[in-house]
Amino acid sequence: MTSKAPAVPAVALGTWAWGDSGEAGDGYFGSRLSEAGLREVVDKAQANGFTLWDTAVAYGMGRSETALAQALTGYDRSEYQLSTKFTPQLAGDGDDPVADLLEQSLDRMRTDYVDLYWIHNPADVARWTPPLIPLLKSGRIKHVGVSNHNMEEIALADRILGEAGFRVEAVQNHYSLLHRSSQRAGILDHCREHDVRFFSYMVLEQGALSGRYSPANPLPEGSSRADVYNGILPQLQALTDRMAVIGKDRGASAADVATAWAIAKGTTPIVGVTKADYIDGLVRARGIELAEEEIAELEGLADAADVDTRGWWEQEM
């Protein structure tokens, strides 16, 4: 029976954008990705110790899982960790929808087990948590995590698994300088106290905290993220400027500082990677040690920006 949280690298790599169809402008990020380009990302990441890959059936209806397996071809299964998700909204009507969706994920990823299997959102904790137990017993999944769950839902999932000698070993929520609801709700403290790994997603707020965008240079028009973030770029300017200065002193970018902040808070950021040179930034972020006063200053500037970046899919924590 597992009780220790999974050992993971400082940063996990997200492949949400890998589920885009590949046609320019088509798909959430409107990016154009190639097989060769993704292979380059994998090679560079693996060489630098970033070996945990996070995906989901919901990312391009399985296309992300397929692209990831393709890019990892030739690596021994022991050299990387796979993290994927059961999305309740995609459950079929068979006898065991959780096992069915997992089997499809395993097929696409060409493997017989998943290191970390998540319940993607808390549609019905009492219904969707119990079917994970036989999958843990059979070794098809090694560790269970819950994503977008609040404290009460995490506790319920933990209690259900606990009756069979397992537990929730990871939590994955939206967590960034601009969105710290999991911290305020006590979820980070809970994770620290119970040796549960907290994975923070959207630490860069889809690029709005990367320092690459400003009122003068907004996010690409027509993309979903432009609709969400372009209107608040003026409020973010003081924060991203300060992050850029803190980064410059260390030969790093504002994005590296945002990622380093999430690491400093005791979380494992999941950063989306579509280009090999993004890995250089993660190497830098991993090496940055922010001083307490820098952390406090950044959080103060983030609070002063006074923006709400909660996603449409998220509940209040």
C-alpha atoms as a PDB file:
ATOM      1  CA  MET A   1       0.000   0.000   0.000  1.00  0.00           C
ATOM      2  CA  THR A   2       1.354   3.425  -0.858  1.00  0.00           C
ATOM      3  CA  SER A   3       1.473   6.125   1.740  1.00  0.00           C
ATOM      4  CA  LYS A   4       4.343   8.354   0.658  1.00  0.00           C
ATOM      5  CA  ALA A   5       3.587  11.085  -1.845  1.00  0.00           C
ATOM      6  CA  PRO A   6       5.059  10.357  -5.282  1.00  0.00           C
ATOM      7  CA  ALA A   7       8.623  11.577  -5.813  1.00  0.00           C
ATOM      8  CA  VAL A   8       8.462  14.184  -8.558  1.00  0.00           C
ATOM      9  CA  PRO A   9      10.771  16.709 -10.275  1.00  0.00           C
ATOM     10  CA  ALA A  10      10.676  20.391  -9.225  1.00  0.00           C
ATOM     11  CA  VAL A  11       8.417  21.182 -12.194  1.00  0.00           C
ATOM     12  CA  ALA A  12       5.930  18.970 -14.042  1.00  0.00           C
ATOM     13  CA  LEU A  13       5.373  19.451 -17.753  1.00  0.00           C
ATOM     14  CA  GLY A  14       1.899  20.169 -19.074  1.00  0.00           C
ATOM     15  CA  THR A  15       0.707  19.008 -22.484  1.00  0.00           C
ATOM     16  CA  TRP A  16      -2.708  20.673 -22.724  1.00  0.00           C
ATOM     17  CA  ALA A  17      -1.652  22.487 -25.901  1.00  0.00           C
ATOM     18  CA  TRP A  18      -0.457  19.199 -27.436  1.00  0.00           C
ATOM     19  CA  GLY A  19      -4.107  18.334 -27.921  1.00  0.00           C
ATOM     20  CA  ASP A  20      -4.539  21.100 -30.493  1.00  0.00           C
ATOM     21  CA  SER A  21      -5.232  19.771 -33.956  1.00  0.00           C
ATOM     22  CA  GLY A  22      -2.035  21.340 -35.266  1.00  0.00           C
ATOM     23  CA  GLU A  23      -3.848  23.668 -37.656  1.00  0.00           C
ATOM     24  CA  ALA A  24      -2.845  27.282 -37.048  1.00  0.00           C
ATOM     25  CA  GLY A  25      -5.508  29.054 -35.042  1.00  0.00           C
ATOM     26  CA  ASP A  26      -7.352  25.815 -34.342  1.00  0.00           C
ATOM     27  CA  GLY A  27      -7.453  24.606 -30.752  1.00  0.00           C
ATOM     28  CA  TYR A  28      -7.248  26.408 -27.439  1.00  0.00           C
ATOM     29  CA  PHE A  29      -3.798  27.908 -27.884  1.00  0.00           C
ATOM     30  CA  GLY A  30      -3.983  28.397 -31.617  1.00  0.00           C
ATOM     31  CA  SER A  31      -0.511  26.919 -31.881  1.00  0.00           C
ATOM     32  CA  ARG A  32       1.107  24.946 -34.660  1.00  0.00           C
ATOM     33  CA  LEU A  33       2.995  21.993 -33.229  1.00  0.00           C
ATOM     34  CA  SER A  34       4.961  19.363 -35.101  1.00  0.00           C
ATOM     35  CA  GLU A  35       5.980  15.842 -34.147  1.00  0.00           C
ATOM     36  CA  ALA A  36       9.649  16.731 -34.553  1.00  0.00           C
ATOM     37  CA  GLY A  37       9.220  19.837 -32.406  1.00  0.00           C
ATOM     38  CA  LEU A  38       7.562  17.881 -29.585  1.00  0.00           C
ATOM     39  CA  ARG A  39      10.255  15.214 -29.770  1.00  0.00           C
ATOM     40  CA  GLU A  40      12.828  17.967 -29.271  1.00  0.00           C
ATOM     41  CA  VAL A  41      10.888  19.196 -26.212  1.00  0.00           C
ATOM     42  CA  VAL A  42      10.875  15.685 -24.725  1.00  0.00           C
ATOM     43  CA  ASP A  43      14.573  15.080 -25.343  1.00  0.00           C
ATOM     44  CA  LYS A  44      15.599  18.349 -23.740  1.00  0.00           C
ATOM     45  CA  ALA A  45      13.225  17.930 -20.793  1.00  0.00           C
ATOM     46  CA  GLN A  46      14.282  14.367 -20.069  1.00  0.00           C
ATOM     47  CA  ALA A  47      17.967  15.327 -20.289  1.00  0.00           C
ATOM     48  CA  ASN A  48      17.379  18.026 -17.655  1.00  0.00           C
ATOM     49  CA  GLY A  49      15.506  15.816 -15.208  1.00  0.00           C
ATOM     50  CA  PHE A  50      11.986  17.020 -16.050  1.00  0.00           C
ATOM     51  CA  THR A  51      10.440  13.586 -16.380  1.00  0.00           C
ATOM     52  CA  LEU A  52       6.831  13.989 -15.212  1.00  0.00           C
ATOM     53  CA  TRP A  53       4.367  14.565 -18.054  1.00  0.00           C
ATOM     54  CA  ASP A  54       0.845  15.751 -17.269  1.00  0.00           C
ATOM     55  CA  THR A  55      -1.968  15.204 -19.751  1.00  0.00           C
ATOM     56  CA  ALA A  56      -5.699  14.354 -19.842  1.00  0.00           C
ATOM     57  CA  VAL A  57      -8.257  12.704 -22.094  1.00  0.00           C
ATOM     58  CA  ALA A  58      -9.986  16.074 -22.235  1.00  0.00           C
ATOM     59  CA  TYR A  59      -6.981  17.704 -23.939  1.00  0.00           C
ATOM     60  CA  GLY A  60      -8.003  17.422 -27.579  1.00  0.00           C
ATOM     61  CA  MET A  61     -10.144  14.345 -26.845  1.00  0.00           C
ATOM     62  CA  GLY A  62      -7.129  12.103 -26.415  1.00  0.00           C
ATOM     63  CA  ARG A  63      -4.889  13.810 -28.995  1.00  0.00           C
ATOM     64  CA  SER A  64      -2.544  15.084 -26.273  1.00  0.00           C
ATOM     65  CA  GLU A  65      -2.069  11.571 -24.828  1.00  0.00           C
ATOM     66  CA  THR A  66      -1.375  10.179 -28.306  1.00  0.00           C
ATOM     67  CA  ALA A  67       1.111  12.955 -29.157  1.00  0.00           C
ATOM     68  CA  LEU A  68       2.871  12.481 -25.822  1.00  0.00           C
ATOM     69  CA  ALA A  69       3.305   8.734 -26.316  1.00  0.00           C
ATOM     70  CA  GLN A  70       4.674   9.375 -29.791  1.00  0.00           C
ATOM     71  CA  ALA A  71       7.177  11.942 -28.489  1.00  0.00           C
ATOM     72  CA  LEU A  72       8.351   9.562 -25.732  1.00  0.00           C
ATOM     73  CA  THR A  73       9.000   6.685 -28.148  1.00  0.00           C
ATOM     74  CA  GLY A  74      12.333   5.028 -27.402  1.00  0.00           C
ATOM     75  CA  TYR A  75      12.500   6.067 -23.757  1.00  0.00           C
ATOM     76  CA  ASP A  76      12.261   3.254 -21.247  1.00  0.00           C
ATOM     77  CA  ARG A  77       9.023   3.418 -19.224  1.00  0.00           C
ATOM     78  CA  SER A  78      11.074   3.706 -16.027  1.00  0.00           C
ATOM     79  CA  GLU A  79      12.628   6.951 -17.306  1.00  0.00           C
ATOM     80  CA  TYR A  80       9.439   9.051 -17.167  1.00  0.00           C
ATOM     81  CA  GLN A  81       6.222   9.426 -15.176  1.00  0.00           C
ATOM     82  CA  LEU A  82       2.783   9.781 -16.717  1.00  0.00           C
ATOM     83  CA  SER A  83      -0.006  11.793 -15.142  1.00  0.00           C
ATOM     84  CA  THR A  84      -3.455  11.718 -16.761  1.00  0.00           C
ATOM     85  CA  LYS A  85      -7.038  12.305 -15.693  1.00  0.00           C
ATOM     86  CA  PHE A  86     -10.493  10.804 -15.474  1.00  0.00           C
ATOM     87  CA  THR A  87     -12.931  13.538 -16.502  1.00  0.00           C
ATOM     88  CA  PRO A  88     -16.420  12.695 -15.134  1.00  0.00           C
ATOM     89  CA  GLN A  89     -18.138  14.644 -17.927  1.00  0.00           C
ATOM     90  CA  LEU A  90     -16.606  12.247 -20.478  1.00  0.00           C
ATOM     91  CA  ALA A  91     -17.658   9.059 -18.666  1.00  0.00           C
ATOM     92  CA  GLY A  92     -19.404   6.463 -20.802  1.00  0.00           C
ATOM     93  CA  ASP A  93     -22.403   4.477 -19.609  1.00  0.00           C
ATOM     94  CA  GLY A  94     -20.682   1.098 -19.201  1.00  0.00           C
ATOM     95  CA  ASP A  95     -20.478  -0.825 -15.923  1.00  0.00           C
ATOM     96  CA  ASP A  96     -17.163   0.786 -14.977  1.00  0.00           C
ATOM     97  CA  PRO A  97     -16.658   4.138 -16.739  1.00  0.00           C
ATOM     98  CA  VAL A  98     -13.493   4.959 -14.739  1.00  0.00           C
ATOM     99  CA  ALA A  99     -11.744   1.721 -15.745  1.00  0.00           C
ATOM    100  CA  ASP A 100     -12.978   2.164 -19.328  1.00  0.00           C
ATOM    101  CA  LEU A 101     -11.541   5.663 -19.676  1.00  0.00           C
ATOM    102  CA  LEU A 102      -8.292   4.579 -18.028  1.00  0.00           C
ATOM    103  CA  GLU A 103      -7.952   1.674 -20.495  1.00  0.00           C
ATOM    104  CA  GLN A 104      -8.393   4.085 -23.406  1.00  0.00           C
ATOM    105  CA  SER A 105      -5.716   6.388 -21.917  1.00  0.00           C
ATOM    106  CA  LEU A 106      -3.335   3.447 -21.413  1.00  0.00           C
ATOM    107  CA  ASP A 107      -3.865   2.395 -25.029  1.00  0.00           C
ATOM    108  CA  ARG A 108      -3.179   5.870 -26.355  1.00  0.00           C
ATOM    109  CA  MET A 109      -0.105   6.252 -24.144  1.00  0.00           C
ATOM    110  CA  ARG A 110       1.118   2.722 -24.961  1.00  0.00           C
ATOM    111  CA  THR A 111       1.645   1.703 -21.362  1.00  0.00           C
ATOM    112  CA  ASP A 112       0.097  -0.638 -18.808  1.00  0.00           C
ATOM    113  CA  TYR A 113       0.082   1.757 -15.857  1.00  0.00           C
ATOM    114  CA  VAL A 114      -0.206   5.452 -14.984  1.00  0.00           C
ATOM    115  CA  ASP A 115       1.987   6.925 -12.252  1.00  0.00           C
ATOM    116  CA  LEU A 116      -0.583   9.508 -11.220  1.00  0.00           C
ATOM    117  CA  TYR A 117      -4.295   9.293 -12.048  1.00  0.00           C
ATOM    118  CA  TRP A 118      -6.510  12.258 -11.281  1.00  0.00           C
ATOM    119  CA  ILE A 119     -10.197  12.870 -10.910  1.00  0.00           C
ATOM    120  CA  HIS A 120     -10.299  15.978 -13.077  1.00  0.00           C
ATOM    121  CA  ASN A 121     -13.120  17.768 -11.258  1.00  0.00           C
ATOM    122  CA  PRO A 122     -15.440  17.078  -8.342  1.00  0.00           C
ATOM    123  CA  ALA A 123     -18.613  16.155 -10.240  1.00  0.00           C
ATOM    124  CA  ASP A 124     -19.601  13.486  -7.689  1.00  0.00           C
ATOM    125  CA  VAL A 125     -16.842  12.490  -5.274  1.00  0.00           C
ATOM    126  CA  ALA A 126     -18.799   9.625  -3.688  1.00  0.00           C
ATOM    127  CA  ARG A 127     -19.507   8.115  -7.097  1.00  0.00           C
ATOM    128  CA  TRP A 128     -16.170   8.502  -8.865  1.00  0.00           C
ATOM    129  CA  THR A 129     -13.648   7.823  -6.089  1.00  0.00           C
ATOM    130  CA  PRO A 130     -14.503   4.155  -5.192  1.00  0.00           C
ATOM    131  CA  PRO A 131     -13.807   2.766  -8.724  1.00  0.00           C
ATOM    132  CA  LEU A 132     -10.169   3.896  -8.319  1.00  0.00           C
ATOM    133  CA  ILE A 133      -9.582   1.311  -5.572  1.00  0.00           C
ATOM    134  CA  PRO A 134      -9.483  -1.834  -7.781  1.00  0.00           C
ATOM    135  CA  LEU A 135      -7.239   0.046 -10.230  1.00  0.00           C
ATOM    136  CA  LEU A 136      -4.816   0.865  -7.394  1.00  0.00           C
ATOM    137  CA  LYS A 137      -4.913  -2.757  -6.219  1.00  0.00           C
ATOM    138  CA  SER A 138      -4.147  -4.063  -9.707  1.00  0.00           C
ATOM    139  CA  GLY A 139      -1.273  -1.600 -10.191  1.00  0.00           C
ATOM    140  CA  ARG A 140      -2.895   0.035 -13.228  1.00  0.00           C
ATOM    141  CA  ILE A 141      -2.532   3.292 -11.316  1.00  0.00           C
ATOM    142  CA  LYS A 142       0.238   3.957  -8.795  1.00  0.00           C
ATOM    143  CA  HIS A 143      -1.013   7.138  -7.105  1.00  0.00           C
ATOM    144  CA  VAL A 144      -4.327   9.008  -6.979  1.00  0.00           C
ATOM    145  CA  GLY A 145      -4.792  12.754  -7.161  1.00  0.00           C
ATOM    146  CA  VAL A 146      -7.788  15.081  -7.211  1.00  0.00           C
ATOM    147  CA  SER A 147      -7.976  18.229  -9.287  1.00  0.00           C
ATOM    148  CA  ASN A 148     -10.166  21.313  -8.741  1.00  0.00           C
ATOM    149  CA  HIS A 149     -11.498  19.811  -5.489  1.00  0.00           C
ATOM    150  CA  ASN A 150     -12.094  21.935  -2.381  1.00  0.00           C
ATOM    151  CA  MET A 151     -11.058  20.930   1.153  1.00  0.00           C
ATOM    152  CA  GLU A 152     -14.302  19.093   1.924  1.00  0.00           C
ATOM    153  CA  GLU A 153     -14.133  17.126  -1.341  1.00  0.00           C
ATOM    154  CA  ILE A 154     -10.458  16.269  -0.814  1.00  0.00           C
ATOM    155  CA  ALA A 155     -11.305  14.960   2.677  1.00  0.00           C
ATOM    156  CA  LEU A 156     -14.204  12.861   1.346  1.00  0.00           C
ATOM    157  CA  ALA A 157     -12.087  11.303  -1.419  1.00  0.00           C
ATOM    158  CA  ASP A 158      -9.360  10.629   1.143  1.00  0.00           C
ATOM    159  CA  ARG A 159     -11.831   8.928   3.501  1.00  0.00           C
ATOM    160  CA  ILE A 160     -13.196   6.682   0.724  1.00  0.00           C
ATOM    161  CA  LEU A 161      -9.707   5.615  -0.378  1.00  0.00           C
ATOM    162  CA  GLY A 162      -8.592   5.280   3.243  1.00  0.00           C
ATOM    163  CA  GLU A 163     -11.115   2.528   3.895  1.00  0.00           C
ATOM    164  CA  ALA A 164      -9.153   0.394   1.418  1.00  0.00           C
ATOM    165  CA  GLY A 165      -5.734   1.420   2.750  1.00  0.00           C
ATOM    166  CA  PHE A 166      -5.020   4.062   0.084  1.00  0.00           C
ATOM    167  CA  ARG A 167      -5.192   7.849   0.135  1.00  0.00           C
ATOM    168  CA  VAL A 168      -5.264  11.005  -1.933  1.00  0.00           C
ATOM    169  CA  GLU A 169      -1.565  11.613  -2.569  1.00  0.00           C
ATOM    170  CA  ALA A 170      -1.748  14.688  -4.763  1.00  0.00           C
ATOM    171  CA  VAL A 171      -3.911  17.763  -5.306  1.00  0.00           C
ATOM    172  CA  GLN A 172      -3.857  19.790  -8.526  1.00  0.00           C
ATOM    173  CA  ASN A 173      -5.470  23.232  -8.474  1.00  0.00           C
ATOM    174  CA  HIS A 174      -5.148  26.566 -10.222  1.00  0.00           C
ATOM    175  CA  TYR A 175      -2.566  28.436  -8.134  1.00  0.00           C
ATOM    176  CA  SER A 176      -0.597  31.509  -9.125  1.00  0.00           C
ATOM    177  CA  LEU A 177       0.425  34.903  -7.769  1.00  0.00           C
ATOM    178  CA  LEU A 178      -2.947  36.151  -9.008  1.00  0.00           C
ATOM    179  CA  HIS A 179      -5.018  33.226  -7.748  1.00  0.00           C
ATOM    180  CA  ARG A 180      -4.251  31.910  -4.266  1.00  0.00           C
ATOM    181  CA  SER A 181      -7.630  30.537  -3.217  1.00  0.00           C
ATOM    182  CA  SER A 182      -6.159  27.103  -2.373  1.00  0.00           C
ATOM    183  CA  GLN A 183      -3.788  28.792   0.052  1.00  0.00           C
ATOM    184  CA  ARG A 184      -6.535  30.834   1.712  1.00  0.00           C
ATOM    185  CA  ALA A 185      -8.749  27.752   1.997  1.00  0.00           C
ATOM    186  CA  GLY A 186      -6.023  25.890   3.906  1.00  0.00           C
ATOM    187  CA  ILE A 187      -5.423  23.337   1.154  1.00  0.00           C
ATOM    188  CA  LEU A 188      -1.681  24.075   0.915  1.00  0.00           C
ATOM    189  CA  ASP A 189      -1.323  23.688   4.678  1.00  0.00           C
ATOM    190  CA  HIS A 190      -3.261  20.420   4.575  1.00  0.00           C
ATOM    191  CA  CYS A 191      -0.966  19.090   1.845  1.00  0.00           C
ATOM    192  CA  ARG A 192       2.173  20.109   3.736  1.00  0.00           C
ATOM    193  CA  GLU A 193       0.966  18.510   6.964  1.00  0.00           C
ATOM    194  CA  HIS A 194      -0.092  15.217   5.351  1.00  0.00           C
ATOM    195  CA  ASP A 195       2.728  14.710   2.836  1.00  0.00           C
ATOM    196  CA  VAL A 196       0.399  15.316  -0.111  1.00  0.00           C
ATOM    197  CA  ARG A 197       1.961  16.748  -3.246  1.00  0.00           C
ATOM    198  CA  PHE A 198       0.317  20.016  -4.367  1.00  0.00           C
ATOM    199  CA  PHE A 199       0.554  20.670  -8.103  1.00  0.00           C
ATOM    200  CA  SER A 200      -0.103  24.250  -9.169  1.00  0.00           C
ATOM    201  CA  TYR A 201      -1.428  24.801 -12.661  1.00  0.00           C
ATOM    202  CA  MET A 202      -1.710  28.110 -14.532  1.00  0.00           C
ATOM    203  CA  VAL A 203       1.213  29.607 -12.575  1.00  0.00           C
ATOM    204  CA  LEU A 204       1.851  31.852 -15.591  1.00  0.00           C
ATOM    205  CA  GLU A 205      -1.865  32.568 -16.074  1.00  0.00           C
ATOM    206  CA  GLN A 206      -1.621  31.385 -19.686  1.00  0.00           C
ATOM    207  CA  GLY A 207       1.191  33.817 -20.415  1.00  0.00           C
ATOM    208  CA  ALA A 208      -0.251  36.905 -18.711  1.00  0.00           C
ATOM    209  CA  LEU A 209       2.486  36.593 -16.039  1.00  0.00           C
ATOM    210  CA  SER A 210       5.262  35.682 -18.464  1.00  0.00           C
ATOM    211  CA  GLY A 211       6.395  39.270 -18.919  1.00  0.00           C
ATOM    212  CA  ARG A 212       5.971  38.828 -22.668  1.00  0.00           C
ATOM    213  CA  TYR A 213       2.688  40.710 -22.794  1.00  0.00           C
ATOM    214  CA  SER A 214       1.686  44.239 -21.852  1.00  0.00           C
ATOM    215  CA  PRO A 215      -1.046  46.726 -22.799  1.00  0.00           C
ATOM    216  CA  ALA A 216       1.184  47.727 -25.744  1.00  0.00           C
ATOM    217  CA  ASN A 217       1.799  44.097 -26.701  1.00  0.00           C
ATOM    218  CA  PRO A 218      -1.361  42.133 -25.845  1.00  0.00           C
ATOM    219  CA  LEU A 219      -1.996  38.388 -26.167  1.00  0.00           C
ATOM    220  CA  PRO A 220      -2.837  37.210 -29.706  1.00  0.00           C
ATOM    221  CA  GLU A 221      -6.288  38.491 -30.704  1.00  0.00           C
ATOM    222  CA  GLY A 222      -8.915  35.858 -31.280  1.00  0.00           C
ATOM    223  CA  SER A 223      -7.487  33.396 -28.768  1.00  0.00           C
ATOM    224  CA  SER A 224      -9.544  32.455 -25.695  1.00  0.00           C
ATOM    225  CA  ARG A 225      -6.793  33.674 -23.426  1.00  0.00           C
ATOM    226  CA  ALA A 226      -6.767  37.116 -25.076  1.00  0.00           C
ATOM    227  CA  ASP A 227     -10.461  37.446 -24.170  1.00  0.00           C
ATOM    228  CA  VAL A 228      -9.702  36.587 -20.547  1.00  0.00           C
ATOM    229  CA  TYR A 229      -6.462  38.493 -19.954  1.00  0.00           C
ATOM    230  CA  ASN A 230      -5.991  41.418 -22.341  1.00  0.00           C
ATOM    231  CA  GLY A 231      -8.409  43.593 -20.387  1.00  0.00           C
ATOM    232  CA  ILE A 232      -6.418  43.207 -17.146  1.00  0.00           C
ATOM    233  CA  LEU A 233      -2.892  43.651 -18.543  1.00  0.00           C
ATOM    234  CA  PRO A 234      -2.742  47.310 -17.338  1.00  0.00           C
ATOM    235  CA  GLN A 235      -3.373  46.164 -13.721  1.00  0.00           C
ATOM    236  CA  LEU A 236      -0.642  43.527 -14.026  1.00  0.00           C
ATOM    237  CA  GLN A 237       2.060  45.869 -15.310  1.00  0.00           C
ATOM    238  CA  ALA A 238       3.584  46.765 -11.921  1.00  0.00           C
ATOM    239  CA  LEU A 239       3.776  43.098 -10.942  1.00  0.00           C
ATOM    240  CA  THR A 240       5.276  41.844 -14.203  1.00  0.00           C
ATOM    241  CA  ASP A 241       7.745  44.753 -14.274  1.00  0.00           C
ATOM    242  CA  ARG A 242       8.934  43.852 -10.765  1.00  0.00           C
ATOM    243  CA  MET A 243       9.205  40.168 -11.690  1.00  0.00           C
ATOM    244  CA  ALA A 244      11.319  41.161 -14.685  1.00  0.00           C
ATOM    245  CA  VAL A 245      13.700  43.146 -12.450  1.00  0.00           C
ATOM    246  CA  ILE A 246      14.005  40.314  -9.903  1.00  0.00           C
ATOM    247  CA  GLY A 247      14.675  37.941 -12.794  1.00  0.00           C
ATOM    248  CA  LYS A 248      17.222  40.201 -14.476  1.00  0.00           C
ATOM    249  CA  ASP A 249      19.414  40.166 -11.353  1.00  0.00           C
ATOM    250  CA  ARG A 250      19.578  36.395 -11.761  1.00  0.00           C
ATOM    251  CA  GLY A 251      19.833  36.141 -15.541  1.00  0.00           C
ATOM    252  CA  ALA A 252      16.232  34.971 -15.668  1.00  0.00           C
ATOM    253  CA  SER A 253      12.876  36.120 -17.058  1.00  0.00           C
ATOM    254  CA  ALA A 254       9.670  37.250 -15.360  1.00  0.00           C
ATOM    255  CA  ALA A 255       8.162  33.855 -16.250  1.00  0.00           C
ATOM    256  CA  ASP A 256      11.025  32.069 -14.470  1.00  0.00           C
ATOM    257  CA  VAL A 257      10.322  34.174 -11.373  1.00  0.00           C
ATOM    258  CA  ALA A 258       6.601  33.292 -11.428  1.00  0.00           C
ATOM    259  CA  THR A 259       7.549  29.614 -11.595  1.00  0.00           C
ATOM    260  CA  ALA A 260      10.205  29.996  -8.882  1.00  0.00           C
ATOM    261  CA  TRP A 261       7.565  31.635  -6.660  1.00  0.00           C
ATOM    262  CA  ALA A 262       5.304  28.585  -7.022  1.00  0.00           C
ATOM    263  CA  ILE A 263       8.233  26.294  -6.120  1.00  0.00           C
ATOM    264  CA  ALA A 264       9.092  28.503  -3.125  1.00  0.00           C
ATOM    265  CA  LYS A 265       5.518  28.066  -1.869  1.00  0.00           C
ATOM    266  CA  GLY A 266       6.127  24.321  -1.628  1.00  0.00           C
ATOM    267  CA  THR A 267       4.162  23.422  -4.747  1.00  0.00           C
ATOM    268  CA  THR A 268       5.071  21.596  -7.950  1.00  0.00           C
ATOM    269  CA  PRO A 269       4.156  23.889 -10.855  1.00  0.00           C
ATOM    270  CA  ILE A 270       2.813  22.290 -14.015  1.00  0.00           C
ATOM    271  CA  VAL A 271       4.126  24.388 -16.868  1.00  0.00           C
ATOM    272  CA  GLY A 272       2.896  23.944 -20.415  1.00  0.00           C
ATOM    273  CA  VAL A 273       5.767  23.311 -22.830  1.00  0.00           C
ATOM    274  CA  THR A 274       5.510  23.549 -26.586  1.00  0.00           C
ATOM    275  CA  LYS A 275       9.055  24.647 -27.464  1.00  0.00           C
ATOM    276  CA  ALA A 276      12.396  23.161 -26.437  1.00  0.00           C
ATOM    277  CA  ASP A 277      13.772  26.524 -25.291  1.00  0.00           C
ATOM    278  CA  TYR A 278      11.019  26.728 -22.627  1.00  0.00           C
ATOM    279  CA  ILE A 279      13.039  24.057 -20.804  1.00  0.00           C
ATOM    280  CA  ASP A 280      15.909  26.535 -20.313  1.00  0.00           C
ATOM    281  CA  GLY A 281      13.529  28.737 -18.340  1.00  0.00           C
ATOM    282  CA  LEU A 282      12.481  25.820 -16.140  1.00  0.00           C
ATOM    283  CA  VAL A 283      16.132  25.019 -15.430  1.00  0.00           C
ATOM    284  CA  ARG A 284      16.614  28.643 -14.368  1.00  0.00           C
ATOM    285  CA  ALA A 285      13.420  28.681 -12.281  1.00  0.00           C
ATOM    286  CA  ARG A 286      14.485  25.514 -10.483  1.00  0.00           C
ATOM    287  CA  GLY A 287      17.714  27.235  -9.461  1.00  0.00           C
ATOM    288  CA  ILE A 288      16.213  30.526  -8.238  1.00  0.00           C
ATOM    289  CA  GLU A 289      15.885  31.041  -4.496  1.00  0.00           C
ATOM    290  CA  LEU A 290      13.600  33.964  -3.775  1.00  0.00           C
ATOM    291  CA  ALA A 291      14.112  35.858  -0.511  1.00  0.00           C
ATOM    292  CA  GLU A 292      11.159  36.069   1.900  1.00  0.00           C
ATOM    293  CA  GLU A 293      10.871  39.815   1.268  1.00  0.00           C
ATOM    294  CA  GLU A 294      10.781  39.271  -2.513  1.00  0.00           C
ATOM    295  CA  ILE A 295       7.965  36.757  -2.106  1.00  0.00           C
ATOM    296  CA  ALA A 296       6.042  39.174   0.135  1.00  0.00           C
ATOM    297  CA  GLU A 297       6.607  42.050  -2.301  1.00  0.00           C
ATOM    298  CA  LEU A 298       5.355  40.039  -5.295  1.00  0.00           C
ATOM    299  CA  GLU A 299       2.284  38.901  -3.393  1.00  0.00           C
ATOM    300  CA  GLY A 300       1.601  42.491  -2.337  1.00  0.00           C
ATOM    301  CA  LEU A 301       1.773  43.694  -5.947  1.00  0.00           C
ATOM    302  CA  ALA A 302      -0.460  40.802  -7.025  1.00  0.00           C
ATOM    303  CA  ASP A 303      -3.020  41.731  -4.349  1.00  0.00           C
ATOM    304  CA  ALA A 304      -2.879  45.377  -5.443  1.00  0.00           C
ATOM    305  CA  ALA A 305      -3.662  44.330  -9.038  1.00  0.00           C
ATOM    306  CA  ASP A 306      -6.985  43.110  -7.625  1.00  0.00           C
ATOM    307  CA  VAL A 307      -7.989  40.851 -10.523  1.00  0.00           C
ATOM    308  CA  ASP A 308     -10.028  37.659 -10.571  1.00  0.00           C
ATOM    309  CA  THR A 309      -8.587  34.973 -12.820  1.00  0.00           C
ATOM    310  CA  ARG A 310     -10.719  32.067 -11.631  1.00  0.00           C
ATOM    311  CA  GLY A 311     -11.500  29.836 -14.620  1.00  0.00           C
ATOM    312  CA  TRP A 312     -15.084  29.146 -15.698  1.00  0.00           C
ATOM    313  CA  TRP A 313     -14.547  25.485 -14.715  1.00  0.00           C
ATOM    314  CA  GLU A 314     -13.491  26.316 -11.150  1.00  0.00           C
ATOM    315  CA  GLN A 315     -15.503  26.601  -7.970  1.00  0.00           C
ATOM    316  CA  GLU A 316     -14.568  28.910  -5.105  1.00  0.00           C
ATOM    317  CA  MET A 317     -12.183  27.003  -2.858  1.00  0.00           C
END
